[in-house]
PDB file of N, CA and C in Angstrom:
ATOM      1  N   MET A   1       0.856  -1.168   0.000  1.00  0.00           N
ATOM      2  CA  MET A   1       0.000   0.000   0.000  1.00  0.00           C
ATOM      3  C   MET A   1       0.902   1.231   0.000  1.00  0.00           C
ATOM      4  N   GLU A   2       0.789   2.047  -1.029  1.00  0.00           N
ATOM      5  CA  GLU A   2       1.589   3.272  -1.161  1.00  0.00           C
ATOM      6  C   GLU A   2       0.841   4.427  -0.509  1.00  0.00           C
ATOM      7  N   LEU A   3       1.400   4.988   0.561  1.00  0.00           N
ATOM      8  CA  LEU A   3       0.745   6.056   1.313  1.00  0.00           C
ATOM      9  C   LEU A   3       1.088   7.455   0.815  1.00  0.00           C
ATOM     10  N   GLY A   4       2.117   7.579  -0.003  1.00  0.00           N
ATOM     11  CA  GLY A   4       2.499   8.888  -0.521  1.00  0.00           C
ATOM     12  C   GLY A   4       3.753   9.424   0.143  1.00  0.00           C
ATOM     13  N   ALA A   5       4.076  10.670  -0.174  1.00  0.00           N
ATOM     14  CA  ALA A   5       5.275  11.316   0.358  1.00  0.00           C
ATOM     15  C   ALA A   5       5.198  11.384   1.881  1.00  0.00           C
ATOM     16  N   PHE A   6       6.324  11.141   2.537  1.00  0.00           N
ATOM     17  CA  PHE A   6       6.381  11.153   3.999  1.00  0.00           C
ATOM     18  C   PHE A   6       7.044  12.430   4.500  1.00  0.00           C
ATOM     19  N   SER A   7       6.507  12.961   5.583  1.00  0.00           N
ATOM     20  CA  SER A   7       7.158  14.052   6.307  1.00  0.00           C
ATOM     21  C   SER A   7       6.799  13.902   7.780  1.00  0.00           C
ATOM     22  N   ILE A   8       7.510  14.630   8.592  1.00  0.00           N
ATOM     23  CA  ILE A   8       7.189  14.669  10.009  1.00  0.00           C
ATOM     24  C   ILE A   8       6.732  16.083  10.332  1.00  0.00           C
ATOM     25  N   SER A   9       5.627  16.180  11.041  1.00  0.00           N
ATOM     26  CA  SER A   9       5.094  17.472  11.460  1.00  0.00           C
ATOM     27  C   SER A   9       5.438  17.630  12.937  1.00  0.00           C
ATOM     28  N   LEU A  10       6.273  18.608  13.238  1.00  0.00           N
ATOM     29  CA  LEU A  10       6.768  18.781  14.600  1.00  0.00           C
ATOM     30  C   LEU A  10       5.983  19.855  15.342  1.00  0.00           C
ATOM     31  N   ALA A  11       5.525  19.529  16.528  1.00  0.00           N
ATOM     32  CA  ALA A  11       4.874  20.495  17.418  1.00  0.00           C
ATOM     33  C   ALA A  11       5.994  21.248  18.139  1.00  0.00           C
ATOM     34  N   VAL A  12       6.236  22.497  17.753  1.00  0.00           N
ATOM     35  CA  VAL A  12       7.358  23.261  18.304  1.00  0.00           C
ATOM     36  C   VAL A  12       6.868  24.341  19.267  1.00  0.00           C
ATOM     37  N   LYS A  13       7.732  24.714  20.200  1.00  0.00           N
ATOM     38  CA  LYS A  13       7.398  25.749  21.182  1.00  0.00           C
ATOM     39  C   LYS A  13       7.723  27.145  20.671  1.00  0.00           C
ATOM     40  N   ASP A  14       8.787  27.251  19.848  1.00  0.00           N
ATOM     41  CA  ASP A  14       9.243  28.549  19.346  1.00  0.00           C
ATOM     42  C   ASP A  14       9.614  28.369  17.883  1.00  0.00           C
ATOM     43  N   LEU A  15       8.742  28.827  16.996  1.00  0.00           N
ATOM     44  CA  LEU A  15       8.929  28.620  15.560  1.00  0.00           C
ATOM     45  C   LEU A  15      10.264  29.181  15.074  1.00  0.00           C
ATOM     46  N   ALA A  16      10.610  30.396  15.481  1.00  0.00           N
ATOM     47  CA  ALA A  16      11.851  31.025  15.027  1.00  0.00           C
ATOM     48  C   ALA A  16      13.077  30.237  15.495  1.00  0.00           C
ATOM     49  N   ALA A  17      13.072  29.798  16.745  1.00  0.00           N
ATOM     50  CA  ALA A  17      14.204  29.031  17.270  1.00  0.00           C
ATOM     51  C   ALA A  17      14.332  27.689  16.551  1.00  0.00           C
ATOM     52  N   SER A  18      13.206  27.037  16.297  1.00  0.00           N
ATOM     53  CA  SER A  18      13.238  25.751  15.596  1.00  0.00           C
ATOM     54  C   SER A  18      13.703  25.939  14.159  1.00  0.00           C
ATOM     55  N   ARG A  19      13.206  26.970  13.502  1.00  0.00           N
ATOM     56  CA  ARG A  19      13.636  27.252  12.122  1.00  0.00           C
ATOM     57  C   ARG A  19      15.147  27.466  12.075  1.00  0.00           C
ATOM     58  N   ALA A  20      15.677  28.284  12.979  1.00  0.00           N
ATOM     59  CA  ALA A  20      17.117  28.551  13.009  1.00  0.00           C
ATOM     60  C   ALA A  20      17.906  27.263  13.232  1.00  0.00           C
ATOM     61  N   PHE A  21      17.423  26.403  14.128  1.00  0.00           N
ATOM     62  CA  PHE A  21      18.103  25.137  14.394  1.00  0.00           C
ATOM     63  C   PHE A  21      18.151  24.269  13.132  1.00  0.00           C
ATOM     64  N   TYR A  22      17.005  24.062  12.490  1.00  0.00           N
ATOM     65  CA  TYR A  22      16.958  23.181  11.325  1.00  0.00           C
ATOM     66  C   TYR A  22      17.666  23.780  10.118  1.00  0.00           C
ATOM     67  N   GLU A  23      17.710  25.096  10.022  1.00  0.00           N
ATOM     68  CA  GLU A  23      18.483  25.718   8.942  1.00  0.00           C
ATOM     69  C   GLU A  23      19.970  25.435   9.121  1.00  0.00           C
ATOM     70  N   LYS A  24      20.450  25.346  10.359  1.00  0.00           N
ATOM     71  CA  LYS A  24      21.847  24.980  10.608  1.00  0.00           C
ATOM     72  C   LYS A  24      22.135  23.560  10.146  1.00  0.00           C
ATOM     73  N   LEU A  25      21.097  22.720  10.098  1.00  0.00           N
ATOM     74  CA  LEU A  25      21.251  21.339   9.605  1.00  0.00           C
ATOM     75  C   LEU A  25      21.101  21.251   8.092  1.00  0.00           C
ATOM     76  N   GLY A  26      20.903  22.387   7.435  1.00  0.00           N
ATOM     77  CA  GLY A  26      20.812  22.399   5.976  1.00  0.00           C
ATOM     78  C   GLY A  26      19.404  22.446   5.423  1.00  0.00           C
ATOM     79  N   PHE A  27      18.393  22.565   6.274  1.00  0.00           N
ATOM     80  CA  PHE A  27      17.021  22.671   5.789  1.00  0.00           C
ATOM     81  C   PHE A  27      16.759  24.093   5.297  1.00  0.00           C
ATOM     82  N   GLU A  28      15.910  24.199   4.266  1.00  0.00           N
ATOM     83  CA  GLU A  28      15.525  25.493   3.710  1.00  0.00           C
ATOM     84  C   GLU A  28      14.009  25.578   3.662  1.00  0.00           C
ATOM     85  N   ALA A  29      13.494  26.793   3.833  1.00  0.00           N
ATOM     86  CA  ALA A  29      12.043  27.003   3.777  1.00  0.00           C
ATOM     87  C   ALA A  29      11.516  26.593   2.406  1.00  0.00           C
ATOM     88  N   ALA A  30      10.401  25.847   2.416  1.00  0.00           N
ATOM     89  CA  ALA A  30       9.790  25.385   1.166  1.00  0.00           C
ATOM     90  C   ALA A  30       8.304  25.717   1.133  1.00  0.00           C
ATOM     91  N   GLY A  31       7.801  26.350   2.172  1.00  0.00           N
ATOM     92  CA  GLY A  31       6.388  26.707   2.222  1.00  0.00           C
ATOM     93  C   GLY A  31       5.994  27.100   3.622  1.00  0.00           C
ATOM     94  N   GLY A  32       4.731  27.453   3.762  1.00  0.00           N
ATOM     95  CA  GLY A  32       4.214  27.825   5.065  1.00  0.00           C
ATOM     96  C   GLY A  32       4.106  29.322   5.236  1.00  0.00           C
ATOM     97  N   ASP A  33       3.749  29.731   6.452  1.00  0.00           N
ATOM     98  CA  ASP A  33       3.546  31.132   6.757  1.00  0.00           C
ATOM     99  C   ASP A  33       3.884  31.373   8.226  1.00  0.00           C
ATOM    100  N   PRO A  34       5.067  31.939   8.498  1.00  0.00           N
ATOM    101  CA  PRO A  34       5.449  32.184   9.886  1.00  0.00           C
ATOM    102  C   PRO A  34       4.428  33.039  10.647  1.00  0.00           C
ATOM    103  N   ALA A  35       3.722  33.935   9.967  1.00  0.00           N
ATOM    104  CA  ALA A  35       2.706  34.756  10.629  1.00  0.00           C
ATOM    105  C   ALA A  35       1.548  33.901  11.137  1.00  0.00           C
ATOM    106  N   GLN A  36       1.365  32.719  10.537  1.00  0.00           N
ATOM    107  CA  GLN A  36       0.329  31.779  10.979  1.00  0.00           C
ATOM    108  C   GLN A  36       0.923  30.657  11.822  1.00  0.00           C
ATOM    109  N   ASN A  37       2.189  30.789  12.197  1.00  0.00           N
ATOM    110  CA  ASN A  37       2.892  29.850  13.090  1.00  0.00           C
ATOM    111  C   ASN A  37       3.180  28.488  12.478  1.00  0.00           C
ATOM    112  N   TRP A  38       3.442  28.436  11.151  1.00  0.00           N
ATOM    113  CA  TRP A  38       3.848  27.165  10.570  1.00  0.00           C
ATOM    114  C   TRP A  38       4.777  27.381   9.387  1.00  0.00           C
ATOM    115  N   LEU A  39       5.697  26.443   9.207  1.00  0.00           N
ATOM    116  CA  LEU A  39       6.657  26.443   8.100  1.00  0.00           C
ATOM    117  C   LEU A  39       6.905  25.018   7.636  1.00  0.00           C
ATOM    118  N   ILE A  40       7.172  24.880   6.360  1.00  0.00           N
ATOM    119  CA  ILE A  40       7.617  23.614   5.795  1.00  0.00           C
ATOM    120  C   ILE A  40       9.074  23.807   5.392  1.00  0.00           C
ATOM    121  N   LEU A  41       9.939  22.906   5.835  1.00  0.00           N
ATOM    122  CA  LEU A  41      11.362  22.965   5.528  1.00  0.00           C
ATOM    123  C   LEU A  41      11.764  21.693   4.795  1.00  0.00           C
ATOM    124  N   ARG A  42      12.738  21.843   3.899  1.00  0.00           N
ATOM    125  CA  ARG A  42      13.180  20.687   3.118  1.00  0.00           C
ATOM    126  C   ARG A  42      14.705  20.660   3.054  1.00  0.00           C
ATOM    127  N   ASN A  43      15.236  19.441   3.111  1.00  0.00           N
ATOM    128  CA  ASN A  43      16.656  19.181   2.907  1.00  0.00           C
ATOM    129  C   ASN A  43      16.724  17.963   1.994  1.00  0.00           C
ATOM    130  N   GLY A  44      16.989  18.184   0.719  1.00  0.00           N
ATOM    131  CA  GLY A  44      16.953  17.090  -0.255  1.00  0.00           C
ATOM    132  C   GLY A  44      15.541  16.555  -0.363  1.00  0.00           C
ATOM    133  N   THR A  45      15.381  15.253  -0.121  1.00  0.00           N
ATOM    134  CA  THR A  45      14.046  14.648  -0.181  1.00  0.00           C
ATOM    135  C   THR A  45      13.386  14.559   1.194  1.00  0.00           C
ATOM    136  N   THR A  46      14.029  15.127   2.211  1.00  0.00           N
ATOM    137  CA  THR A  46      13.484  15.096   3.566  1.00  0.00           C
ATOM    138  C   THR A  46      12.694  16.369   3.840  1.00  0.00           C
ATOM    139  N   THR A  47      11.459  16.196   4.292  1.00  0.00           N
ATOM    140  CA  THR A  47      10.590  17.330   4.576  1.00  0.00           C
ATOM    141  C   THR A  47      10.136  17.273   6.025  1.00  0.00           C
ATOM    142  N   ILE A  48      10.204  18.435   6.683  1.00  0.00           N
ATOM    143  CA  ILE A  48       9.656  18.562   8.028  1.00  0.00           C
ATOM    144  C   ILE A  48       8.742  19.780   8.052  1.00  0.00           C
ATOM    145  N   GLY A  49       7.693  19.680   8.839  1.00  0.00           N
ATOM    146  CA  GLY A  49       6.827  20.821   9.076  1.00  0.00           C
ATOM    147  C   GLY A  49       7.014  21.270  10.512  1.00  0.00           C
ATOM    148  N   LEU A  50       7.094  22.577  10.716  1.00  0.00           N
ATOM    149  CA  LEU A  50       7.195  23.139  12.054  1.00  0.00           C
ATOM    150  C   LEU A  50       5.872  23.838  12.348  1.00  0.00           C
ATOM    151  N   PHE A  51       5.202  23.451  13.430  1.00  0.00           N
ATOM    152  CA  PHE A  51       3.883  23.974  13.758  1.00  0.00           C
ATOM    153  C   PHE A  51       3.873  24.410  15.220  1.00  0.00           C
ATOM    154  N   GLN A  52       3.736  25.710  15.450  1.00  0.00           N
ATOM    155  CA  GLN A  52       3.718  26.242  16.814  1.00  0.00           C
ATOM    156  C   GLN A  52       2.282  26.444  17.268  1.00  0.00           C
ATOM    157  N   GLY A  53       1.914  25.751  18.372  1.00  0.00           N
ATOM    158  CA  GLY A  53       0.607  25.939  18.973  1.00  0.00           C
ATOM    159  C   GLY A  53      -0.556  25.321  18.219  1.00  0.00           C
ATOM    160  N   MET A  54      -0.297  24.410  17.290  1.00  0.00           N
ATOM    161  CA  MET A  54      -1.378  23.831  16.491  1.00  0.00           C
ATOM    162  C   MET A  54      -1.795  22.445  16.957  1.00  0.00           C
ATOM    163  N   PHE A  55      -0.878  21.689  17.540  1.00  0.00           N
ATOM    164  CA  PHE A  55      -1.206  20.376  18.067  1.00  0.00           C
ATOM    165  C   PHE A  55      -0.207  19.999  19.150  1.00  0.00           C
ATOM    166  N   GLU A  56      -0.563  18.984  19.940  1.00  0.00           N
ATOM    167  CA  GLU A  56       0.230  18.629  21.107  1.00  0.00           C
ATOM    168  C   GLU A  56       1.414  17.718  20.804  1.00  0.00           C
ATOM    169  N   LYS A  57       1.246  16.805  19.867  1.00  0.00           N
ATOM    170  CA  LYS A  57       2.267  15.803  19.591  1.00  0.00           C
ATOM    171  C   LYS A  57       2.804  15.960  18.175  1.00  0.00           C
ATOM    172  N   ASN A  58       3.999  15.417  17.961  1.00  0.00           N
ATOM    173  CA  ASN A  58       4.521  15.308  16.609  1.00  0.00           C
ATOM    174  C   ASN A  58       3.639  14.334  15.830  1.00  0.00           C
ATOM    175  N   ILE A  59       3.527  14.557  14.535  1.00  0.00           N
ATOM    176  CA  ILE A  59       2.645  13.738  13.704  1.00  0.00           C
ATOM    177  C   ILE A  59       3.404  13.233  12.480  1.00  0.00           C
ATOM    178  N   MET A  60       3.336  11.926  12.239  1.00  0.00           N
ATOM    179  CA  MET A  60       3.839  11.376  10.984  1.00  0.00           C
ATOM    180  C   MET A  60       2.804  11.703   9.914  1.00  0.00           C
ATOM    181  N   THR A  61       3.254  12.246   8.789  1.00  0.00           N
ATOM    182  CA  THR A  61       2.332  12.681   7.751  1.00  0.00           C
ATOM    183  C   THR A  61       2.672  12.002   6.428  1.00  0.00           C
ATOM    184  N   PHE A  62       1.643  11.520   5.747  1.00  0.00           N
ATOM    185  CA  PHE A  62       1.779  10.949   4.407  1.00  0.00           C
ATOM    186  C   PHE A  62       0.858  11.733   3.477  1.00  0.00           C
ATOM    187  N   ASN A  63       1.351  12.035   2.278  1.00  0.00           N
ATOM    188  CA  ASN A  63       0.575  12.796   1.298  1.00  0.00           C
ATOM    189  C   ASN A  63       0.397  11.994   0.012  1.00  0.00           C
ATOM    190  N   PRO A  64      -0.732  11.266  -0.117  1.00  0.00           N
ATOM    191  CA  PRO A  64      -1.007  10.570  -1.374  1.00  0.00           C
ATOM    192  C   PRO A  64      -1.062  11.569  -2.530  1.00  0.00           C
ATOM    193  N   GLY A  65      -0.491  11.188  -3.646  1.00  0.00           N
ATOM    194  CA  GLY A  65      -0.559  12.035  -4.839  1.00  0.00           C
ATOM    195  C   GLY A  65       0.578  13.018  -4.980  1.00  0.00           C
ATOM    196  N   TRP A  66       1.507  13.030  -4.026  1.00  0.00           N
ATOM    197  CA  TRP A  66       2.641  13.954  -4.075  1.00  0.00           C
ATOM    198  C   TRP A  66       3.963  13.207  -4.084  1.00  0.00           C
ATOM    199  N   THR A  67       4.957  13.806  -4.752  1.00  0.00           N
ATOM    200  CA  THR A  67       6.339  13.357  -4.622  1.00  0.00           C
ATOM    201  C   THR A  67       6.907  13.987  -3.351  1.00  0.00           C
ATOM    202  N   SER A  68       8.122  13.634  -2.993  1.00  0.00           N
ATOM    203  CA  SER A  68       8.759  14.226  -1.817  1.00  0.00           C
ATOM    204  C   SER A  68       9.039  15.716  -2.005  1.00  0.00           C
ATOM    205  N   GLN A  69       8.919  16.197  -3.233  1.00  0.00           N
ATOM    206  CA  GLN A  69       9.097  17.624  -3.524  1.00  0.00           C
ATOM    207  C   GLN A  69       7.754  18.337  -3.682  1.00  0.00           C
ATOM    208  N   ALA A  70       6.668  17.699  -3.238  1.00  0.00           N
ATOM    209  CA  ALA A  70       5.306  18.252  -3.286  1.00  0.00           C
ATOM    210  C   ALA A  70       4.841  18.524  -4.714  1.00  0.00           C
ATOM    211  N   LYS A  71       5.246  17.663  -5.638  1.00  0.00           N
ATOM    212  CA  LYS A  71       4.785  17.745  -7.022  1.00  0.00           C
ATOM    213  C   LYS A  71       3.725  16.666  -7.230  1.00  0.00           C
ATOM    214  N   PRO A  72       2.648  16.981  -7.949  1.00  0.00           N
ATOM    215  CA  PRO A  72       1.586  15.988  -8.158  1.00  0.00           C
ATOM    216  C   PRO A  72       2.060  14.780  -8.974  1.00  0.00           C
ATOM    217  N   LEU A  73       1.557  13.614  -8.599  1.00  0.00           N
ATOM    218  CA  LEU A  73       1.814  12.375  -9.336  1.00  0.00           C
ATOM    219  C   LEU A  73       0.665  12.120 -10.305  1.00  0.00           C
ATOM    220  N   GLU A  74       0.971  11.500 -11.440  1.00  0.00           N
ATOM    221  CA  GLU A  74      -0.090  11.155 -12.394  1.00  0.00           C
ATOM    222  C   GLU A  74      -0.951  10.011 -11.881  1.00  0.00           C
ATOM    223  N   SER A  75      -0.325   9.083 -11.165  1.00  0.00           N
ATOM    224  CA  SER A  75      -1.034   7.899 -10.697  1.00  0.00           C
ATOM    225  C   SER A  75      -0.731   7.684  -9.219  1.00  0.00           C
ATOM    226  N   PHE A  76      -1.770   7.462  -8.431  1.00  0.00           N
ATOM    227  CA  PHE A  76      -1.603   7.192  -7.006  1.00  0.00           C
ATOM    228  C   PHE A  76      -2.901   6.612  -6.464  1.00  0.00           C
ATOM    229  N   THR A  77      -2.847   6.083  -5.253  1.00  0.00           N
ATOM    230  CA  THR A  77      -4.034   5.543  -4.604  1.00  0.00           C
ATOM    231  C   THR A  77      -4.716   6.662  -3.821  1.00  0.00           C
ATOM    232  N   ASP A  78      -5.978   6.920  -4.127  1.00  0.00           N
ATOM    233  CA  ASP A  78      -6.749   7.975  -3.484  1.00  0.00           C
ATOM    234  C   ASP A  78      -6.892   7.701  -1.986  1.00  0.00           C
ATOM    235  N   VAL A  79      -6.941   8.770  -1.205  1.00  0.00           N
ATOM    236  CA  VAL A  79      -7.032   8.674   0.252  1.00  0.00           C
ATOM    237  C   VAL A  79      -8.251   7.849   0.692  1.00  0.00           C
ATOM    238  N   ARG A  80      -9.358   7.943  -0.035  1.00  0.00           N
ATOM    239  CA  ARG A  80     -10.557   7.186   0.334  1.00  0.00           C
ATOM    240  C   ARG A  80     -10.362   5.688   0.102  1.00  0.00           C
ATOM    241  N   GLU A  81      -9.613   5.323  -0.921  1.00  0.00           N
ATOM    242  CA  GLU A  81      -9.289   3.912  -1.165  1.00  0.00           C
ATOM    243  C   GLU A  81      -8.373   3.393  -0.059  1.00  0.00           C
ATOM    244  N   LEU A  82      -7.380   4.191   0.324  1.00  0.00           N
ATOM    245  CA  LEU A  82      -6.506   3.799   1.432  1.00  0.00           C
ATOM    246  C   LEU A  82      -7.314   3.590   2.706  1.00  0.00           C
ATOM    247  N   GLN A  83      -8.228   4.511   2.978  1.00  0.00           N
ATOM    248  CA  GLN A  83      -9.083   4.416   4.158  1.00  0.00           C
ATOM    249  C   GLN A  83      -9.918   3.132   4.128  1.00  0.00           C
ATOM    250  N   SER A  84     -10.486   2.817   2.982  1.00  0.00           N
ATOM    251  CA  SER A  84     -11.300   1.613   2.836  1.00  0.00           C
ATOM    252  C   SER A  84     -10.474   0.359   3.112  1.00  0.00           C
ATOM    253  N   ARG A  85      -9.271   0.301   2.550  1.00  0.00           N
ATOM    254  CA  ARG A  85      -8.401  -0.864   2.761  1.00  0.00           C
ATOM    255  C   ARG A  85      -8.031  -1.012   4.238  1.00  0.00           C
ATOM    256  N   LEU A  86      -7.731   0.106   4.873  1.00  0.00           N
ATOM    257  CA  LEU A  86      -7.353   0.054   6.284  1.00  0.00           C
ATOM    258  C   LEU A  86      -8.535  -0.357   7.162  1.00  0.00           C
ATOM    259  N   LYS A  87      -9.734   0.112   6.826  1.00  0.00           N
ATOM    260  CA  LYS A  87     -10.927  -0.308   7.569  1.00  0.00           C
ATOM    261  C   LYS A  87     -11.129  -1.811   7.443  1.00  0.00           C
ATOM    262  N   GLU A  88     -10.957  -2.330   6.226  1.00  0.00           N
ATOM    263  CA  GLU A  88     -11.093  -3.778   6.003  1.00  0.00           C
ATOM    264  C   GLU A  88     -10.076  -4.559   6.824  1.00  0.00           C
ATOM    265  N   ALA A  89      -8.908  -3.942   7.080  1.00  0.00           N
ATOM    266  CA  ALA A  89      -7.864  -4.590   7.871  1.00  0.00           C
ATOM    267  C   ALA A  89      -8.101  -4.422   9.364  1.00  0.00           C
ATOM    268  N   GLY A  90      -9.169  -3.710   9.748  1.00  0.00           N
ATOM    269  CA  GLY A  90      -9.512  -3.566  11.151  1.00  0.00           C
ATOM    270  C   GLY A  90      -8.837  -2.404  11.867  1.00  0.00           C
ATOM    271  N   VAL A  91      -8.287  -1.458  11.104  1.00  0.00           N
ATOM    272  CA  VAL A  91      -7.631  -0.301  11.712  1.00  0.00           C
ATOM    273  C   VAL A  91      -8.690   0.687  12.197  1.00  0.00           C
ATOM    274  N   ALA A  92      -8.495   1.237  13.412  1.00  0.00           N
ATOM    275  CA  ALA A  92      -9.414   2.234  13.962  1.00  0.00           C
ATOM    276  C   ALA A  92      -8.959   3.635  13.547  1.00  0.00           C
ATOM    277  N   PHE A  93      -9.925   4.517  13.343  1.00  0.00           N
ATOM    278  CA  PHE A  93      -9.651   5.878  12.886  1.00  0.00           C
ATOM    279  C   PHE A  93      -9.993   6.886  13.967  1.00  0.00           C
ATOM    280  N   GLN A  94      -9.181   7.930  14.064  1.00  0.00           N
ATOM    281  CA  GLN A  94      -9.499   9.051  14.946  1.00  0.00           C
ATOM    282  C   GLN A  94     -10.399  10.039  14.206  1.00  0.00           C
ATOM    283  N   THR A  95     -10.077  10.306  12.927  1.00  0.00           N
ATOM    284  CA  THR A  95     -10.940  11.076  12.037  1.00  0.00           C
ATOM    285  C   THR A  95     -10.949  10.362  10.699  1.00  0.00           C
ATOM    286  N   GLU A  96     -11.998  10.604   9.901  1.00  0.00           N
ATOM    287  CA  GLU A  96     -12.125   9.928   8.614  1.00  0.00           C
ATOM    288  C   GLU A  96     -12.397  10.911   7.492  1.00  0.00           C
ATOM    289  N   ALA A  97     -11.987  10.528   6.295  1.00  0.00           N
ATOM    290  CA  ALA A  97     -12.343  11.258   5.085  1.00  0.00           C
ATOM    291  C   ALA A  97     -13.764  10.879   4.703  1.00  0.00           C
ATOM    292  N   ASP A  98     -14.479  11.783   4.074  1.00  0.00           N
ATOM    293  CA  ASP A  98     -15.817  11.500   3.555  1.00  0.00           C
ATOM    294  C   ASP A  98     -15.660  10.489   2.416  1.00  0.00           C
ATOM    295  N   ALA A  99     -16.115   9.280   2.630  1.00  0.00           N
ATOM    296  CA  ALA A  99     -15.936   8.206   1.654  1.00  0.00           C
ATOM    297  C   ALA A  99     -16.617   8.496   0.322  1.00  0.00           C
ATOM    298  N   SER A 100     -17.619   9.353   0.306  1.00  0.00           N
ATOM    299  CA  SER A 100     -18.329   9.657  -0.935  1.00  0.00           C
ATOM    300  C   SER A 100     -17.769  10.896  -1.624  1.00  0.00           C
ATOM    301  N   GLY A 101     -16.774  11.541  -1.030  1.00  0.00           N
ATOM    302  CA  GLY A 101     -16.207  12.760  -1.594  1.00  0.00           C
ATOM    303  C   GLY A 101     -15.198  12.487  -2.686  1.00  0.00           C
ATOM    304  N   THR A 102     -14.689  13.569  -3.236  1.00  0.00           N
ATOM    305  CA  THR A 102     -13.616  13.504  -4.231  1.00  0.00           C
ATOM    306  C   THR A 102     -12.612  14.605  -3.921  1.00  0.00           C
ATOM    307  N   GLY A 103     -11.424  14.505  -4.494  1.00  0.00           N
ATOM    308  CA  GLY A 103     -10.418  15.540  -4.309  1.00  0.00           C
ATOM    309  C   GLY A 103      -9.742  15.466  -2.961  1.00  0.00           C
ATOM    310  N   PRO A 104      -9.220  16.602  -2.498  1.00  0.00           N
ATOM    311  CA  PRO A 104      -8.480  16.620  -1.239  1.00  0.00           C
ATOM    312  C   PRO A 104      -9.307  16.113  -0.053  1.00  0.00           C
ATOM    313  N   ALA A 105      -8.648  15.353   0.815  1.00  0.00           N
ATOM    314  CA  ALA A 105      -9.279  14.800   2.009  1.00  0.00           C
ATOM    315  C   ALA A 105      -8.185  14.215   2.893  1.00  0.00           C
ATOM    316  N   SER A 106      -8.555  13.890   4.136  1.00  0.00           N
ATOM    317  CA  SER A 106      -7.565  13.322   5.044  1.00  0.00           C
ATOM    318  C   SER A 106      -8.235  12.433   6.081  1.00  0.00           C
ATOM    319  N   PHE A 107      -7.409  11.616   6.727  1.00  0.00           N
ATOM    320  CA  PHE A 107      -7.837  10.860   7.891  1.00  0.00           C
ATOM    321  C   PHE A 107      -6.678  10.762   8.853  1.00  0.00           C
ATOM    322  N   VAL A 108      -7.001  10.467  10.118  1.00  0.00           N
ATOM    323  CA  VAL A 108      -5.986  10.343  11.162  1.00  0.00           C
ATOM    324  C   VAL A 108      -6.158   9.010  11.866  1.00  0.00           C
ATOM    325  N   LEU A 109      -5.032   8.335  12.057  1.00  0.00           N
ATOM    326  CA  LEU A 109      -4.943   7.096  12.825  1.00  0.00           C
ATOM    327  C   LEU A 109      -4.044   7.373  14.020  1.00  0.00           C
ATOM    328  N   VAL A 110      -4.100   6.524  15.020  1.00  0.00           N
ATOM    329  CA  VAL A 110      -3.178   6.613  16.144  1.00  0.00           C
ATOM    330  C   VAL A 110      -2.565   5.232  16.322  1.00  0.00           C
ATOM    331  N   ASP A 111      -1.234   5.167  16.313  1.00  0.00           N
ATOM    332  CA  ASP A 111      -0.575   3.867  16.437  1.00  0.00           C
ATOM    333  C   ASP A 111      -0.684   3.346  17.875  1.00  0.00           C
ATOM    334  N   PRO A 112      -0.275   2.101  18.123  1.00  0.00           N
ATOM    335  CA  PRO A 112      -0.441   1.514  19.457  1.00  0.00           C
ATOM    336  C   PRO A 112       0.267   2.275  20.581  1.00  0.00           C
ATOM    337  N   ASP A 113       1.244   3.122  20.224  1.00  0.00           N
ATOM    338  CA  ASP A 113       1.967   3.889  21.229  1.00  0.00           C
ATOM    339  C   ASP A 113       1.449   5.315  21.369  1.00  0.00           C
ATOM    340  N   GLY A 114       0.335   5.619  20.700  1.00  0.00           N
ATOM    341  CA  GLY A 114      -0.265   6.946  20.817  1.00  0.00           C
ATOM    342  C   GLY A 114       0.247   7.969  19.833  1.00  0.00           C
ATOM    343  N   ASN A 115       1.037   7.540  18.847  1.00  0.00           N
ATOM    344  CA  ASN A 115       1.571   8.465  17.848  1.00  0.00           C
ATOM    345  C   ASN A 115       0.549   8.709  16.743  1.00  0.00           C
ATOM    346  N   PRO A 116       0.194   9.964  16.481  1.00  0.00           N
ATOM    347  CA  PRO A 116      -0.753  10.252  15.406  1.00  0.00           C
ATOM    348  C   PRO A 116      -0.119  10.036  14.033  1.00  0.00           C
ATOM    349  N   VAL A 117      -0.916   9.510  13.110  1.00  0.00           N
ATOM    350  CA  VAL A 117      -0.520   9.320  11.717  1.00  0.00           C
ATOM    351  C   VAL A 117      -1.583   9.998  10.861  1.00  0.00           C
ATOM    352  N   LEU A 118      -1.171  11.031  10.128  1.00  0.00           N
ATOM    353  CA  LEU A 118      -2.066  11.792   9.265  1.00  0.00           C
ATOM    354  C   LEU A 118      -1.831  11.379   7.824  1.00  0.00           C
ATOM    355  N   VAL A 119      -2.896  11.004   7.127  1.00  0.00           N
ATOM    356  CA  VAL A 119      -2.827  10.764   5.679  1.00  0.00           C
ATOM    357  C   VAL A 119      -3.644  11.884   5.057  1.00  0.00           C
ATOM    358  N   ASP A 120      -2.942  12.795   4.375  1.00  0.00           N
ATOM    359  CA  ASP A 120      -3.492  14.079   3.959  1.00  0.00           C
ATOM    360  C   ASP A 120      -3.264  14.295   2.471  1.00  0.00           C
ATOM    361  N   GLN A 121      -4.309  14.088   1.687  1.00  0.00           N
ATOM    362  CA  GLN A 121      -4.220  14.232   0.228  1.00  0.00           C
ATOM    363  C   GLN A 121      -4.616  15.665  -0.158  1.00  0.00           C
ATOM    364  N   HIS A 122      -3.711  16.346  -0.857  1.00  0.00           N
ATOM    365  CA  HIS A 122      -3.934  17.731  -1.250  1.00  0.00           C
ATOM    366  C   HIS A 122      -4.353  17.888  -2.711  1.00  0.00           C
ATOM    367  N   VAL A 123      -4.324  16.823  -3.472  1.00  0.00           N
ATOM    368  CA  VAL A 123      -4.609  16.898  -4.915  1.00  0.00           C
ATOM    369  C   VAL A 123      -5.870  16.120  -5.259  1.00  0.00           C
ATOM    370  N   ALA A 124      -6.399  16.382  -6.449  1.00  0.00           N
ATOM    371  CA  ALA A 124      -7.566  15.637  -6.924  1.00  0.00           C
ATOM    372  C   ALA A 124      -7.176  14.177  -7.115  1.00  0.00           C
ATOM    373  N   GLY A 125      -8.146  13.301  -7.078  1.00  0.00           N
ATOM    374  CA  GLY A 125      -7.885  11.865  -7.250  1.00  0.00           C
ATOM    375  C   GLY A 125      -7.335  11.552  -8.636  1.00  0.00           C
ATOM    376  N   PRO A 126      -6.752  10.381  -8.752  1.00  0.00           N
ATOM    377  CA  PRO A 126      -6.156   9.972 -10.050  1.00  0.00           C
ATOM    378  C   PRO A 126      -7.205   9.743 -11.115  1.00  0.00           C
TER     379      PRO A 126
END
């Protein structure tokens, strides 16, 4: 099952301090809005999101339909299909995508250790 591009969304206390730290590691801004307390940083194919005051825990994020450079893919498994397969496998959901919808949608799972997993599709279905 292909979940899409992977990134980690970090719950940070001080956006500017975190940005400065990760820039020292070679990350560069690739999106976001510091005025809204979030930034996306990239180093090669590695992407991290910095989010101040938006959620309590770090979140593993998968983006169906995107490459690691946030470019749309021609072919991918739609988020609703992924959700259906996971439901059939007995996975519990914290939030769900509208199964009858189309286009962008997301769902959230929580792993056995309490780690949130976000599957967040930003593009129209294949």
